[in-house]
Amino acid sequence: MQTVIRTKELCVLDDQGKERIKLVVTEDWEGNGGPELVMLDEHGKRRAVMYVDGSSRLSMTDENGMPRAGMSVHKDGSSELVMNDETGIERAGMSVNTFGWPELLTKDKNGKTNWKAP
């Protein structure tokens, strides 16, 4: 026998009754959207989010809510990994474009590229 639960949102609570994991299907202003998995810390702050909206993305924040790392696979087949500093500015990244060509880069504290390969 197969059991199916149908819902628009699913929340997993910790022992204190606080939401720690949320699974929802989101919709943007154009009516597009997709599944989103949100993991919250003990204070209810979003720390990791994985979603699919044509592209697949994983975003992670620090305890202050600043975006620190992200990984994406885009509709066109390209992919990227981005790492940010404590202020949320992108400082390092690596990507592979639709032709399979890799790229590595670093950026200064203002977000300006200071090294890139190739």
Protein backbone atom coordinates (compact mmCIF):
# COMPACT_ATOMS: atom_id res chain seq x y z
CA MET A 1 0.00 0.00 0.00
CA GLN A 2 1.24 3.48 -0.85
CA THR A 3 0.72 6.50 1.43
CA VAL A 4 0.59 9.97 -0.11
CA ILE A 5 0.45 13.29 1.72
CA ARG A 6 -0.68 16.24 -0.38
CA THR A 7 -0.04 19.73 0.91
CA LYS A 8 1.16 23.14 -0.29
CA GLU A 9 3.66 23.51 2.56
CA LEU A 10 5.37 21.10 4.92
CA CYS A 11 7.12 22.23 8.12
CA VAL A 12 9.37 20.13 10.33
CA LEU A 13 9.61 21.35 13.93
CA ASP A 14 12.28 20.84 16.55
CA ASP A 15 11.59 19.65 20.12
CA GLN A 16 10.75 23.24 21.16
CA GLY A 17 8.14 23.60 18.39
CA LYS A 18 10.25 25.94 16.24
CA GLU A 19 10.20 25.58 12.45
CA ARG A 20 13.53 24.15 11.28
CA ILE A 21 12.77 22.83 7.79
CA LYS A 22 10.17 24.09 5.30
CA LEU A 23 9.25 22.55 1.98
CA VAL A 24 7.04 24.75 -0.20
CA VAL A 25 6.23 25.37 -3.83
CA THR A 26 6.77 29.05 -4.54
CA GLU A 27 5.35 31.26 -7.26
CA ASP A 28 6.80 34.51 -8.59
CA TRP A 29 4.88 37.49 -9.94
CA GLU A 30 4.71 35.87 -13.40
CA GLY A 31 3.19 32.68 -12.04
CA ASN A 32 6.43 30.72 -12.41
CA GLY A 33 8.05 28.95 -9.55
CA GLY A 34 9.08 25.66 -8.17
CA PRO A 35 9.93 23.66 -5.09
CA GLU A 36 11.94 25.30 -2.32
CA LEU A 37 13.58 23.59 0.64
CA VAL A 38 14.50 25.99 3.46
CA MET A 39 16.59 25.06 6.50
CA LEU A 40 16.41 27.42 9.46
CA ASP A 41 18.74 27.77 12.44
CA GLU A 42 17.63 27.68 16.08
CA HIS A 43 16.71 31.39 15.86
CA GLY A 44 14.46 30.93 12.82
CA LYS A 45 16.92 32.48 10.35
CA ARG A 46 17.17 31.02 6.86
CA ARG A 47 20.61 29.39 6.63
CA ALA A 48 20.34 27.15 3.58
CA VAL A 49 17.87 27.26 0.70
CA MET A 50 17.63 24.89 -2.22
CA TYR A 51 15.20 25.65 -5.02
CA VAL A 52 14.37 24.75 -8.58
CA ASP A 53 12.81 27.30 -10.93
CA GLY A 54 14.11 26.08 -14.25
CA SER A 55 17.58 26.37 -12.77
CA SER A 56 18.72 24.50 -9.66
CA ARG A 57 20.21 26.58 -6.86
CA LEU A 58 21.65 26.16 -3.38
CA SER A 59 22.27 29.25 -1.27
CA MET A 60 23.86 29.37 2.20
CA THR A 61 24.02 32.28 4.64
CA ASP A 62 25.99 32.95 7.81
CA GLU A 63 24.48 33.52 11.27
CA ASN A 64 23.96 37.20 10.40
CA GLY A 65 21.90 36.36 7.32
CA MET A 66 24.61 37.37 4.85
CA PRO A 67 24.89 35.24 1.69
CA ARG A 68 28.21 33.37 1.92
CA ALA A 69 28.09 30.62 -0.70
CA GLY A 70 25.95 29.61 -3.62
CA MET A 71 25.89 26.95 -6.27
CA SER A 72 23.76 26.97 -9.42
CA VAL A 73 23.07 24.88 -12.47
CA HIS A 74 21.31 27.06 -15.05
CA LYS A 75 18.74 26.25 -17.74
CA ASP A 76 21.41 26.63 -20.43
CA GLY A 77 23.60 23.93 -18.82
CA SER A 78 26.19 26.30 -17.36
CA SER A 79 27.09 25.99 -13.68
CA GLU A 80 28.76 28.13 -11.04
CA LEU A 81 30.00 28.22 -7.47
CA VAL A 82 30.27 31.59 -5.72
CA MET A 83 31.82 32.43 -2.34
CA ASN A 84 31.22 35.75 -0.59
CA ASP A 85 32.94 37.57 2.26
CA GLU A 86 31.28 38.53 5.57
CA THR A 87 29.68 41.60 3.94
CA GLY A 88 28.05 39.51 1.20
CA ILE A 89 30.37 40.69 -1.58
CA GLU A 90 31.42 37.99 -4.05
CA ARG A 91 35.13 37.26 -3.55
CA ALA A 92 35.74 34.00 -5.42
CA GLY A 93 33.98 31.99 -8.05
CA MET A 94 34.29 29.18 -10.49
CA SER A 95 32.05 28.36 -13.40
CA VAL A 96 31.68 26.21 -16.47
CA ASN A 97 29.89 27.78 -19.42
CA THR A 98 27.58 26.10 -21.93
CA PHE A 99 30.55 25.10 -24.11
CA GLY A 100 32.24 23.33 -21.19
CA TRP A 101 34.91 25.99 -20.69
CA PRO A 102 35.90 26.53 -17.04
CA GLU A 103 36.67 29.87 -15.42
CA LEU A 104 38.13 30.74 -12.03
CA LEU A 105 38.21 34.22 -10.55
CA THR A 106 38.86 36.21 -7.40
CA LYS A 107 37.61 39.69 -6.57
CA ASP A 108 38.74 42.46 -4.24
CA LYS A 109 36.73 43.84 -1.30
CA ASN A 110 34.74 46.04 -3.70
CA GLY A 111 33.74 43.11 -5.90
CA LYS A 112 36.10 44.04 -8.75
CA THR A 113 37.83 41.10 -10.48
CA ASN A 114 41.55 41.05 -9.59
CA TRP A 115 42.47 37.62 -10.97
CA LYS A 116 40.90 35.39 -13.60
CA ALA A 117 41.82 32.20 -15.40
CA PRO A 118 41.84 31.44 -18.22
